């Protein structure tokens, strides 16, 4: 999923490899935290991680964050409607046990 940035990336090959692992050291987060995420859905989340970690073009959308687990975040990045629709189509049957992935996690135990 990170191949789009291979010729001009701001990440290492190791970061790309880790972005594809279900349990990655990048965020100490497991894509299958609520059950197995369908592969066609998971690929969108992996590509999103690759965009965040590897794209050299995100500067205009980087905001500073005061979160305890990250210093910056990416906001309001323009996405193609077709990509969003495909992500929705590929994930619409998937489930999660969390209603908001951006807040409310208990990171105290790692």
Protein backbone atom coordinates (compact mmCIF):
# COMPACT_ATOMS: atom_id res chain seq x y z
CA UNK A 1 0.00 0.00 0.00
CA UNK A 2 2.96 2.37 0.45
CA UNK A 3 4.23 1.88 -3.11
CA UNK A 4 2.62 5.15 -4.22
CA UNK A 5 5.36 7.00 -2.32
CA UNK A 6 8.33 4.71 -2.97
CA UNK A 7 10.12 7.16 -5.28
CA UNK A 8 9.69 10.20 -3.04
CA UNK A 9 8.91 9.04 0.49
CA UNK A 10 9.37 10.58 3.89
CA UNK A 11 9.47 7.16 5.54
CA UNK A 12 11.82 4.22 5.66
CA UNK A 13 11.22 0.80 4.16
CA UNK A 14 10.85 -0.47 7.73
CA UNK A 15 8.00 1.98 8.35
CA UNK A 16 6.29 0.67 5.24
CA UNK A 17 6.67 -2.91 6.43
CA UNK A 18 5.33 -2.03 9.88
CA UNK A 19 2.32 -0.23 8.39
CA UNK A 20 1.25 -3.56 6.92
CA UNK A 21 1.45 -5.58 10.16
CA UNK A 22 -1.71 -6.26 12.13
CA UNK A 23 0.15 -5.50 15.36
CA UNK A 24 2.64 -2.77 14.47
CA UNK A 25 5.09 -0.90 16.64
CA UNK A 26 4.15 2.31 14.79
CA UNK A 27 1.16 3.00 17.02
CA UNK A 28 1.03 -0.10 19.19
CA UNK A 29 -2.38 -0.69 17.65
CA UNK A 30 -3.96 -3.78 16.17
CA UNK A 31 -6.27 -3.42 13.18
CA UNK A 32 -8.13 -6.49 14.42
CA UNK A 33 -8.82 -4.97 17.86
CA UNK A 34 -12.53 -5.82 17.65
CA UNK A 35 -12.33 -8.95 15.53
CA UNK A 36 -10.82 -9.69 12.15
CA UNK A 37 -11.00 -6.71 9.78
CA UNK A 38 -11.78 -7.84 6.22
CA UNK A 39 -8.67 -7.58 4.00
CA UNK A 40 -10.38 -5.37 1.41
CA UNK A 41 -11.28 -2.93 4.22
CA UNK A 42 -7.93 -3.16 5.98
CA UNK A 43 -6.04 -2.12 2.86
CA UNK A 44 -7.66 1.34 3.06
CA UNK A 45 -6.51 1.81 6.66
CA UNK A 46 -3.02 0.64 5.71
CA UNK A 47 -2.92 3.06 2.79
CA UNK A 48 -4.09 5.85 5.10
CA UNK A 49 -1.19 5.01 7.43
CA UNK A 50 1.20 5.06 4.46
CA UNK A 51 -0.13 8.46 3.42
CA UNK A 52 0.37 9.82 6.93
CA UNK A 53 3.81 8.29 7.42
CA UNK A 54 5.28 8.52 3.91
CA UNK A 55 3.76 11.32 1.85
CA UNK A 56 6.09 14.27 1.26
CA UNK A 57 3.09 16.46 0.41
CA UNK A 58 1.16 16.68 3.68
CA UNK A 59 2.76 19.87 5.01
CA UNK A 60 -0.24 22.14 4.41
CA UNK A 61 -2.51 19.79 6.40
CA UNK A 62 -0.30 19.08 9.44
CA UNK A 63 -1.63 20.51 12.70
CA UNK A 64 0.11 20.48 16.03
CA UNK A 65 -1.64 18.27 18.56
CA UNK A 66 -1.55 18.34 22.34
CA UNK A 67 -2.48 14.69 22.65
CA UNK A 68 -0.54 12.56 25.09
CA UNK A 69 0.33 10.06 22.35
CA UNK A 70 1.14 12.26 19.35
CA UNK A 71 2.55 15.71 18.65
CA UNK A 72 0.90 16.30 15.32
CA UNK A 73 -2.03 15.18 13.25
CA UNK A 74 -3.19 15.58 9.68
CA UNK A 75 -6.54 17.32 9.11
CA UNK A 76 -8.75 18.22 6.18
CA UNK A 77 -6.63 16.49 3.52
CA UNK A 78 -8.57 16.58 0.25
CA UNK A 79 -9.54 13.10 -0.88
CA UNK A 80 -11.03 11.93 -4.13
CA UNK A 81 -14.71 11.13 -3.91
CA UNK A 82 -14.09 7.83 -5.68
CA UNK A 83 -11.52 6.80 -3.05
CA UNK A 84 -13.90 7.63 -0.22
CA UNK A 85 -16.73 5.73 -1.89
CA UNK A 86 -14.50 2.69 -2.45
CA UNK A 87 -13.37 2.80 1.22
CA UNK A 88 -17.01 2.92 2.33
CA UNK A 89 -18.01 0.09 -0.02
CA UNK A 90 -15.10 -2.09 1.12
CA UNK A 91 -15.75 -1.49 4.84
CA UNK A 92 -19.51 -1.13 5.05
CA UNK A 93 -19.96 -4.73 6.27
CA UNK A 94 -17.09 -4.51 8.78
CA UNK A 95 -17.73 -3.79 12.45
CA UNK A 96 -15.83 -2.08 15.20
CA UNK A 97 -16.32 -1.96 18.95
CA UNK A 98 -15.45 1.75 19.11
CA UNK A 99 -17.63 4.63 17.96
CA UNK A 100 -14.75 7.13 17.64
CA UNK A 101 -11.20 6.01 16.88
CA UNK A 102 -9.80 9.48 17.65
CA UNK A 103 -10.57 9.62 21.35
CA UNK A 104 -11.35 7.62 24.43
CA UNK A 105 -8.64 4.94 24.17
CA UNK A 106 -7.01 3.70 27.35
CA UNK A 107 -3.29 3.61 26.51
CA UNK A 108 -2.17 3.14 30.13
CA UNK A 109 -1.33 -0.54 29.70
CA UNK A 110 0.31 -0.11 26.30
